[in-house]
Amino acid sequence: MCSLSQPQSVSSGGSEREESSDVKLTCFDVSVVSSSPCPEVPFWNLTLRFGLEIAALIGLTVAASGRLAGSLVVATPIVAGAAWGIYNVPGDSSRSGKAAVPVPGFVRLAIELLIFFGAAWALIATGRPTWGLILGAFVAFHLAFSIPRVRWLLGLWRES
């Protein structure tokens, strides 16, 4: 499913040198390391995204509190937040650019969509349709202004 390639040592005349210092993870025959840099995301959109991340975690907690037992109510935002923070694409300009667990762009995009729209759906399903629709509308607005990053995550971005 996934393979990790380490830097190769090359011997030349009695001295060894590393050919490459990049560790490359390949999942589903898709390389995690992109050939082009991630397009910059405007500061206002990063600020909106941070607010949406917090709102999604709150929404998941509120929705879970109406349906799940106490310990699962606490676990729901912790698991969602951990997935959000741990699984990243190396070089993503909307994050630090570092990845605790590097994943392909489509996996990262799926995590983001699952958490954002999952929280909106959970709010709607638990009797808070206004809040769910507001969250979903703001997520759609955020994504509409993040098309270059989404294309980069999907491997469709080419610098001109």
N, C-alpha and C. Protein backbone atom coordinates (compact mmCIF):
# COMPACT_ATOMS: atom_id res chain seq x y z
N MET A 1 0.83 -1.18 0.00
CA MET A 1 0.00 0.00 0.00
C MET A 1 0.88 1.25 0.00
N CYS A 2 1.78 1.40 0.99
CA CYS A 2 2.69 2.54 1.04
C CYS A 2 4.12 2.04 1.13
N SER A 3 5.04 2.80 0.53
CA SER A 3 6.45 2.46 0.64
C SER A 3 7.24 3.72 0.95
N LEU A 4 8.33 3.53 1.67
CA LEU A 4 9.18 4.63 2.10
C LEU A 4 10.55 4.41 1.51
N SER A 5 11.07 5.40 0.79
CA SER A 5 12.41 5.28 0.24
C SER A 5 13.35 6.21 1.00
N GLN A 6 14.45 5.65 1.47
CA GLN A 6 15.45 6.37 2.23
C GLN A 6 16.52 6.91 1.29
N PRO A 7 17.29 7.90 1.74
CA PRO A 7 18.40 8.39 0.92
C PRO A 7 19.40 7.26 0.65
N GLN A 8 19.99 7.26 -0.52
CA GLN A 8 20.94 6.24 -0.92
C GLN A 8 22.36 6.75 -0.73
N SER A 9 23.22 5.91 -0.16
CA SER A 9 24.63 6.26 -0.05
C SER A 9 25.35 5.79 -1.30
N VAL A 10 26.22 6.63 -1.82
CA VAL A 10 26.96 6.31 -3.02
C VAL A 10 28.44 6.32 -2.68
N SER A 11 29.13 5.29 -3.05
CA SER A 11 30.56 5.19 -2.78
C SER A 11 31.33 5.69 -3.99
N SER A 12 32.25 6.62 -3.75
CA SER A 12 33.06 7.14 -4.85
C SER A 12 34.48 7.36 -4.36
N GLY A 13 35.37 6.49 -4.74
CA GLY A 13 36.78 6.63 -4.42
C GLY A 13 37.09 6.56 -2.94
N GLY A 14 36.42 5.69 -2.21
CA GLY A 14 36.70 5.51 -0.79
C GLY A 14 35.89 6.38 0.13
N SER A 15 35.20 7.39 -0.40
CA SER A 15 34.36 8.22 0.48
C SER A 15 32.90 8.00 0.10
N GLU A 16 32.07 8.01 1.11
CA GLU A 16 30.64 7.84 0.86
C GLU A 16 29.96 9.18 0.95
N ARG A 17 28.98 9.37 0.10
CA ARG A 17 28.17 10.59 0.16
C ARG A 17 26.72 10.19 -0.08
N GLU A 18 25.82 11.00 0.44
CA GLU A 18 24.40 10.73 0.22
C GLU A 18 23.98 11.38 -1.08
N GLU A 19 23.25 10.61 -1.89
CA GLU A 19 22.78 11.11 -3.17
C GLU A 19 21.64 12.10 -2.98
N SER A 20 20.74 11.83 -2.04
CA SER A 20 19.58 12.67 -1.81
C SER A 20 19.26 12.66 -0.33
N SER A 21 18.85 13.80 0.20
CA SER A 21 18.50 13.85 1.61
C SER A 21 16.99 13.76 1.81
N ASP A 22 16.21 13.71 0.73
CA ASP A 22 14.76 13.64 0.83
C ASP A 22 14.30 12.21 1.08
N VAL A 23 13.45 12.06 2.09
CA VAL A 23 12.78 10.79 2.31
C VAL A 23 11.46 10.90 1.56
N LYS A 24 11.17 9.90 0.76
CA LYS A 24 9.99 9.97 -0.09
C LYS A 24 9.02 8.86 0.28
N LEU A 25 7.77 9.23 0.53
CA LEU A 25 6.72 8.27 0.84
C LEU A 25 5.80 8.16 -0.38
N THR A 26 5.55 6.95 -0.81
CA THR A 26 4.65 6.72 -1.94
C THR A 26 3.50 5.85 -1.47
N CYS A 27 2.28 6.33 -1.64
CA CYS A 27 1.08 5.59 -1.25
C CYS A 27 0.18 5.45 -2.47
N PHE A 28 -0.34 4.25 -2.65
CA PHE A 28 -1.25 3.99 -3.76
C PHE A 28 -0.64 4.41 -5.09
N ASP A 29 0.67 4.22 -5.23
CA ASP A 29 1.42 4.63 -6.41
C ASP A 29 1.34 6.13 -6.66
N VAL A 30 1.10 6.91 -5.61
CA VAL A 30 1.07 8.35 -5.71
C VAL A 30 2.13 8.90 -4.78
N SER A 31 3.04 9.68 -5.29
CA SER A 31 4.11 10.24 -4.48
C SER A 31 3.56 11.34 -3.58
N VAL A 32 4.06 11.41 -2.36
CA VAL A 32 3.63 12.45 -1.43
C VAL A 32 4.38 13.75 -1.72
N VAL A 33 5.57 13.65 -2.26
CA VAL A 33 6.37 14.83 -2.55
C VAL A 33 5.93 15.39 -3.89
N SER A 34 5.50 16.65 -3.89
CA SER A 34 5.01 17.28 -5.12
C SER A 34 6.18 17.85 -5.91
N SER A 35 6.03 17.88 -7.22
CA SER A 35 7.08 18.43 -8.06
C SER A 35 7.01 19.95 -8.14
N SER A 36 5.89 20.53 -7.76
CA SER A 36 5.76 21.99 -7.77
C SER A 36 5.40 22.48 -6.39
N PRO A 37 5.82 23.70 -6.04
CA PRO A 37 5.50 24.23 -4.72
C PRO A 37 4.01 24.55 -4.59
N CYS A 38 3.52 24.46 -3.37
CA CYS A 38 2.12 24.77 -3.11
C CYS A 38 1.88 26.26 -3.31
N PRO A 39 0.81 26.63 -4.00
CA PRO A 39 0.50 28.05 -4.15
C PRO A 39 0.19 28.68 -2.80
N GLU A 40 0.55 29.92 -2.65
CA GLU A 40 0.31 30.63 -1.39
C GLU A 40 -1.19 30.83 -1.17
N VAL A 41 -1.60 30.70 0.08
CA VAL A 41 -2.98 30.93 0.47
C VAL A 41 -3.02 32.29 1.16
N PRO A 42 -3.92 33.20 0.74
CA PRO A 42 -3.96 34.53 1.35
C PRO A 42 -4.22 34.47 2.86
N PHE A 43 -3.68 35.44 3.57
CA PHE A 43 -3.79 35.47 5.03
C PHE A 43 -5.25 35.46 5.49
N TRP A 44 -6.10 36.23 4.81
CA TRP A 44 -7.50 36.28 5.22
C TRP A 44 -8.15 34.90 5.11
N ASN A 45 -7.75 34.12 4.09
CA ASN A 45 -8.33 32.79 3.91
C ASN A 45 -7.78 31.81 4.95
N LEU A 46 -6.51 31.99 5.33
CA LEU A 46 -5.96 31.16 6.41
C LEU A 46 -6.66 31.47 7.74
N THR A 47 -6.97 32.75 7.96
CA THR A 47 -7.69 33.13 9.18
C THR A 47 -9.10 32.53 9.18
N LEU A 48 -9.78 32.62 8.04
CA LEU A 48 -11.11 32.01 7.92
C LEU A 48 -11.02 30.51 8.15
N ARG A 49 -10.02 29.88 7.56
CA ARG A 49 -9.85 28.43 7.71
C ARG A 49 -9.63 28.04 9.17
N PHE A 50 -8.83 28.83 9.89
CA PHE A 50 -8.61 28.54 11.31
C PHE A 50 -9.93 28.62 12.08
N GLY A 51 -10.72 29.66 11.79
CA GLY A 51 -12.02 29.78 12.43
C GLY A 51 -12.93 28.60 12.09
N LEU A 52 -12.86 28.14 10.84
CA LEU A 52 -13.67 26.98 10.43
C LEU A 52 -13.20 25.70 11.13
N GLU A 53 -11.88 25.58 11.33
CA GLU A 53 -11.37 24.40 12.04
C GLU A 53 -11.93 24.36 13.47
N ILE A 54 -11.89 25.49 14.14
CA ILE A 54 -12.43 25.57 15.50
C ILE A 54 -13.94 25.31 15.49
N ALA A 55 -14.64 25.94 14.55
CA ALA A 55 -16.09 25.75 14.46
C ALA A 55 -16.44 24.30 14.17
N ALA A 56 -15.65 23.63 13.33
CA ALA A 56 -15.92 22.21 13.02
C ALA A 56 -15.73 21.35 14.26
N LEU A 57 -14.68 21.61 15.03
CA LEU A 57 -14.46 20.83 16.26
C LEU A 57 -15.58 21.08 17.27
N ILE A 58 -16.02 22.32 17.39
CA ILE A 58 -17.14 22.64 18.28
C ILE A 58 -18.41 21.97 17.77
N GLY A 59 -18.63 22.05 16.45
CA GLY A 59 -19.82 21.43 15.86
C GLY A 59 -19.85 19.92 16.07
N LEU A 60 -18.71 19.28 15.90
CA LEU A 60 -18.64 17.83 16.15
C LEU A 60 -18.92 17.51 17.61
N THR A 61 -18.41 18.35 18.50
CA THR A 61 -18.65 18.13 19.93
C THR A 61 -20.11 18.32 20.29
N VAL A 62 -20.72 19.39 19.78
CA VAL A 62 -22.13 19.66 20.05
C VAL A 62 -23.01 18.53 19.50
N ALA A 63 -22.73 18.12 18.27
CA ALA A 63 -23.51 17.05 17.66
C ALA A 63 -23.32 15.74 18.41
N ALA A 64 -22.09 15.45 18.83
CA ALA A 64 -21.82 14.21 19.57
C ALA A 64 -22.50 14.21 20.93
N SER A 65 -22.59 15.38 21.55
CA SER A 65 -23.20 15.44 22.88
C SER A 65 -24.68 15.07 22.85
N GLY A 66 -25.31 15.23 21.70
CA GLY A 66 -26.71 14.87 21.58
C GLY A 66 -26.95 13.41 21.23
N ARG A 67 -25.91 12.70 20.84
CA ARG A 67 -26.08 11.34 20.35
C ARG A 67 -25.21 10.28 21.03
N LEU A 68 -24.07 10.67 21.58
CA LEU A 68 -23.10 9.70 22.07
C LEU A 68 -22.93 9.76 23.58
N ALA A 69 -22.31 8.72 24.13
CA ALA A 69 -22.00 8.67 25.56
C ALA A 69 -20.89 9.67 25.88
N GLY A 70 -20.74 9.99 27.15
CA GLY A 70 -19.80 11.02 27.60
C GLY A 70 -18.38 10.89 27.10
N SER A 71 -17.81 9.71 27.19
CA SER A 71 -16.41 9.56 26.77
C SER A 71 -16.26 9.74 25.26
N LEU A 72 -17.26 9.34 24.49
CA LEU A 72 -17.19 9.52 23.04
C LEU A 72 -17.37 10.98 22.65
N VAL A 73 -18.09 11.73 23.48
CA VAL A 73 -18.25 13.16 23.22
C VAL A 73 -16.89 13.84 23.31
N VAL A 74 -16.09 13.44 24.29
CA VAL A 74 -14.75 14.00 24.46
C VAL A 74 -13.82 13.50 23.36
N ALA A 75 -13.94 12.23 23.00
CA ALA A 75 -13.04 11.62 22.02
C ALA A 75 -13.27 12.16 20.60
N THR A 76 -14.49 12.52 20.26
CA THR A 76 -14.80 12.95 18.89
C THR A 76 -13.94 14.13 18.43
N PRO A 77 -13.91 15.26 19.15
CA PRO A 77 -13.06 16.36 18.67
C PRO A 77 -11.57 16.07 18.81
N ILE A 78 -11.20 15.23 19.78
CA ILE A 78 -9.78 14.89 19.94
C ILE A 78 -9.29 14.08 18.74
N VAL A 79 -10.07 13.09 18.33
CA VAL A 79 -9.69 12.27 17.17
C VAL A 79 -9.68 13.12 15.90
N ALA A 80 -10.69 13.96 15.71
CA ALA A 80 -10.74 14.81 14.52
C ALA A 80 -9.57 15.79 14.51
N GLY A 81 -9.29 16.41 15.64
CA GLY A 81 -8.16 17.35 15.73
C GLY A 81 -6.82 16.68 15.52
N ALA A 82 -6.69 15.46 16.05
CA ALA A 82 -5.43 14.72 15.86
C ALA A 82 -5.23 14.37 14.39
N ALA A 83 -6.28 13.90 13.73
CA ALA A 83 -6.17 13.57 12.31
C ALA A 83 -5.81 14.82 11.51
N TRP A 84 -6.41 15.94 11.86
CA TRP A 84 -6.15 17.21 11.18
C TRP A 84 -4.69 17.62 11.34
N GLY A 85 -4.17 17.47 12.55
CA GLY A 85 -2.82 17.94 12.82
C GLY A 85 -1.71 16.99 12.42
N ILE A 86 -1.99 15.70 12.37
CA ILE A 86 -0.94 14.72 12.13
C ILE A 86 -0.74 14.42 10.66
N TYR A 87 -1.82 14.23 9.91
CA TYR A 87 -1.72 13.81 8.51
C TYR A 87 -1.66 15.03 7.59
N ASN A 88 -0.47 15.31 7.06
CA ASN A 88 -0.25 16.50 6.24
C ASN A 88 0.54 16.16 4.99
N VAL A 89 0.49 17.09 4.05
CA VAL A 89 1.28 16.97 2.83
C VAL A 89 2.52 17.84 3.01
N PRO A 90 3.72 17.27 2.82
CA PRO A 90 4.94 18.09 2.93
C PRO A 90 4.91 19.25 1.95
N GLY A 91 5.27 20.43 2.42
CA GLY A 91 5.32 21.61 1.56
C GLY A 91 4.02 22.36 1.44
N ASP A 92 2.98 21.97 2.18
CA ASP A 92 1.69 22.65 2.11
C ASP A 92 1.82 24.03 2.74
N SER A 93 1.60 25.08 1.94
CA SER A 93 1.77 26.45 2.44
C SER A 93 0.67 26.86 3.41
N SER A 94 -0.43 26.14 3.47
CA SER A 94 -1.48 26.48 4.42
C SER A 94 -1.19 25.88 5.79
N ARG A 95 -0.16 25.07 5.87
CA ARG A 95 0.29 24.46 7.12
C ARG A 95 1.72 24.93 7.34
N SER A 96 2.44 24.32 8.23
CA SER A 96 3.83 24.72 8.47
C SER A 96 4.76 24.27 7.35
N GLY A 97 4.28 23.40 6.48
CA GLY A 97 5.13 22.83 5.44
C GLY A 97 5.76 21.52 5.87
N LYS A 98 5.66 21.23 7.17
CA LYS A 98 6.19 19.98 7.71
C LYS A 98 5.04 19.00 7.90
N ALA A 99 5.36 17.73 7.95
CA ALA A 99 4.33 16.71 8.10
C ALA A 99 4.79 15.66 9.09
N ALA A 100 4.02 15.49 10.18
CA ALA A 100 4.32 14.42 11.14
C ALA A 100 4.17 13.07 10.46
N VAL A 101 3.06 12.91 9.76
CA VAL A 101 2.83 11.71 8.94
C VAL A 101 2.48 12.21 7.55
N PRO A 102 3.42 12.11 6.60
CA PRO A 102 3.15 12.60 5.26
C PRO A 102 2.14 11.72 4.53
N VAL A 103 1.19 12.38 3.88
CA VAL A 103 0.17 11.67 3.10
C VAL A 103 0.03 12.35 1.75
N PRO A 104 -0.48 11.64 0.76
CA PRO A 104 -0.75 12.27 -0.54
C PRO A 104 -1.81 13.37 -0.41
N GLY A 105 -1.80 14.29 -1.34
CA GLY A 105 -2.73 15.41 -1.30
C GLY A 105 -4.19 15.01 -1.26
N PHE A 106 -4.56 13.98 -2.02
CA PHE A 106 -5.97 13.59 -2.05
C PHE A 106 -6.41 13.05 -0.69
N VAL A 107 -5.51 12.43 0.06
CA VAL A 107 -5.85 11.94 1.41
C VAL A 107 -6.07 13.13 2.33
N ARG A 108 -5.18 14.13 2.26
CA ARG A 108 -5.33 15.33 3.09
C ARG A 108 -6.64 16.05 2.75
N LEU A 109 -6.94 16.18 1.48
CA LEU A 109 -8.17 16.85 1.07
C LEU A 109 -9.38 16.08 1.59
N ALA A 110 -9.35 14.77 1.53
CA ALA A 110 -10.45 13.95 2.04
C ALA A 110 -10.64 14.16 3.54
N ILE A 111 -9.53 14.25 4.29
CA ILE A 111 -9.62 14.50 5.74
C ILE A 111 -10.29 15.85 5.99
N GLU A 112 -9.84 16.87 5.26
CA GLU A 112 -10.41 18.21 5.45
C GLU A 112 -11.90 18.23 5.12
N LEU A 113 -12.28 17.64 3.99
CA LEU A 113 -13.69 17.65 3.60
C LEU A 113 -14.54 16.84 4.57
N LEU A 114 -14.01 15.72 5.03
CA LEU A 114 -14.73 14.88 5.98
C LEU A 114 -14.99 15.63 7.29
N ILE A 115 -13.98 16.32 7.79
CA ILE A 115 -14.16 17.04 9.06
C ILE A 115 -15.06 18.26 8.87
N PHE A 116 -14.80 19.08 7.85
CA PHE A 116 -15.60 20.28 7.64
C PHE A 116 -17.07 19.95 7.35
N PHE A 117 -17.30 19.17 6.30
CA PHE A 117 -18.68 18.88 5.92
C PHE A 117 -19.31 17.85 6.85
N GLY A 118 -18.50 17.01 7.48
CA GLY A 118 -19.02 16.08 8.48
C GLY A 118 -19.59 16.82 9.67
N ALA A 119 -18.91 17.88 10.09
CA ALA A 119 -19.41 18.70 11.19
C ALA A 119 -20.70 19.41 10.79
N ALA A 120 -20.75 19.94 9.57
CA ALA A 120 -21.97 20.62 9.10
C ALA A 120 -23.13 19.62 9.05
N TRP A 121 -22.87 18.44 8.48
CA TRP A 121 -23.92 17.42 8.41
C TRP A 121 -24.35 16.98 9.81
N ALA A 122 -23.39 16.81 10.73
CA ALA A 122 -23.72 16.37 12.09
C ALA A 122 -24.61 17.40 12.79
N LEU A 123 -24.32 18.68 12.57
CA LEU A 123 -25.18 19.71 13.17
C LEU A 123 -26.59 19.65 12.60
N ILE A 124 -26.70 19.47 11.31
CA ILE A 124 -28.02 19.37 10.67
C ILE A 124 -28.76 18.14 11.19
N ALA A 125 -28.06 17.01 11.28
CA ALA A 125 -28.68 15.74 11.69
C ALA A 125 -29.11 15.75 13.15
N THR A 126 -28.51 16.61 13.96
CA THR A 126 -28.88 16.65 15.38
C THR A 126 -29.79 17.82 15.71
N GLY A 127 -30.48 18.35 14.70
CA GLY A 127 -31.50 19.36 14.96
C GLY A 127 -31.00 20.79 15.00
N ARG A 128 -29.83 21.06 14.44
CA ARG A 128 -29.30 22.42 14.38
C ARG A 128 -29.02 22.79 12.92
N PRO A 129 -30.08 22.77 12.09
CA PRO A 129 -29.87 22.98 10.65
C PRO A 129 -29.31 24.35 10.30
N THR A 130 -29.69 25.38 11.02
CA THR A 130 -29.19 26.72 10.71
C THR A 130 -27.68 26.77 10.88
N TRP A 131 -27.19 26.26 12.02
CA TRP A 131 -25.74 26.26 12.28
C TRP A 131 -25.01 25.38 11.27
N GLY A 132 -25.58 24.24 10.94
CA GLY A 132 -24.96 23.35 9.96
C GLY A 132 -24.86 23.98 8.59
N LEU A 133 -25.92 24.65 8.17
CA LEU A 133 -25.92 25.30 6.85
C LEU A 133 -24.96 26.49 6.83
N ILE A 134 -24.88 27.24 7.92
CA ILE A 134 -23.93 28.35 7.99
C ILE A 134 -22.50 27.83 7.90
N LEU A 135 -22.20 26.78 8.67
CA LEU A 135 -20.86 26.19 8.61
C LEU A 135 -20.55 25.69 7.20
N GLY A 136 -21.49 24.97 6.60
CA GLY A 136 -21.29 24.46 5.24
C GLY A 136 -21.09 25.57 4.22
N ALA A 137 -21.82 26.66 4.36
CA ALA A 137 -21.69 27.79 3.43
C ALA A 137 -20.31 28.45 3.57
N PHE A 138 -19.84 28.62 4.81
CA PHE A 138 -18.52 29.21 5.00
C PHE A 138 -17.41 28.28 4.50
N VAL A 139 -17.58 26.99 4.66
CA VAL A 139 -16.60 26.03 4.13
C VAL A 139 -16.57 26.11 2.60
N ALA A 140 -17.74 26.17 1.97
CA ALA A 140 -17.80 26.29 0.51
C ALA A 140 -17.14 27.60 0.05
N PHE A 141 -17.38 28.69 0.77
CA PHE A 141 -16.76 29.98 0.46
C PHE A 141 -15.24 29.86 0.56
N HIS A 142 -14.76 29.26 1.65
CA HIS A 142 -13.31 29.05 1.84
C HIS A 142 -12.73 28.25 0.69
N LEU A 143 -13.38 27.15 0.32
CA LEU A 143 -12.86 26.30 -0.75
C LEU A 143 -12.88 27.00 -2.11
N ALA A 144 -13.88 27.85 -2.32
CA ALA A 144 -13.96 28.58 -3.59
C ALA A 144 -12.75 29.48 -3.80
N PHE A 145 -12.19 29.99 -2.70
CA PHE A 145 -11.01 30.84 -2.79
C PHE A 145 -9.72 30.07 -2.53
N SER A 146 -9.82 28.74 -2.49
CA SER A 146 -8.65 27.88 -2.28
C SER A 146 -8.44 26.94 -3.46
N ILE A 147 -8.99 27.26 -4.61
CA ILE A 147 -8.92 26.37 -5.77
C ILE A 147 -7.47 26.03 -6.16
N PRO A 148 -6.53 27.00 -6.18
CA PRO A 148 -5.16 26.61 -6.53
C PRO A 148 -4.57 25.58 -5.55
N ARG A 149 -4.83 25.73 -4.26
CA ARG A 149 -4.33 24.76 -3.29
C ARG A 149 -5.01 23.40 -3.47
N VAL A 150 -6.31 23.39 -3.71
CA VAL A 150 -7.03 22.14 -3.93
C VAL A 150 -6.48 21.43 -5.17
N ARG A 151 -6.23 22.19 -6.23
CA ARG A 151 -5.64 21.60 -7.44
C ARG A 151 -4.26 21.05 -7.15
N TRP A 152 -3.47 21.75 -6.31
CA TRP A 152 -2.14 21.27 -5.93
C TRP A 152 -2.25 19.96 -5.16
N LEU A 153 -3.21 19.90 -4.22
CA LEU A 153 -3.40 18.68 -3.44
C LEU A 153 -3.77 17.50 -4.34
N LEU A 154 -4.52 17.76 -5.39
CA LEU A 154 -4.94 16.70 -6.30
C LEU A 154 -3.90 16.41 -7.39
N GLY A 155 -2.80 17.16 -7.38
CA GLY A 155 -1.75 16.94 -8.37
C GLY A 155 -2.03 17.57 -9.72
N LEU A 156 -2.95 18.52 -9.75
CA LEU A 156 -3.34 19.15 -11.01
C LEU A 156 -2.73 20.54 -11.19
N TRP A 157 -1.96 21.01 -10.21
CA TRP A 157 -1.41 22.36 -10.24
C TRP A 157 -0.11 22.38 -11.03
N ARG A 158 -0.01 23.31 -11.93
CA ARG A 158 1.22 23.54 -12.68
C ARG A 158 1.52 25.02 -12.63
N GLU A 159 2.75 25.36 -12.22
CA GLU A 159 3.14 26.76 -12.20
C GLU A 159 3.33 27.24 -13.63
N SER A 160 2.88 28.48 -13.87
CA SER A 160 3.03 29.00 -15.23
C SER A 160 4.14 30.01 -15.30
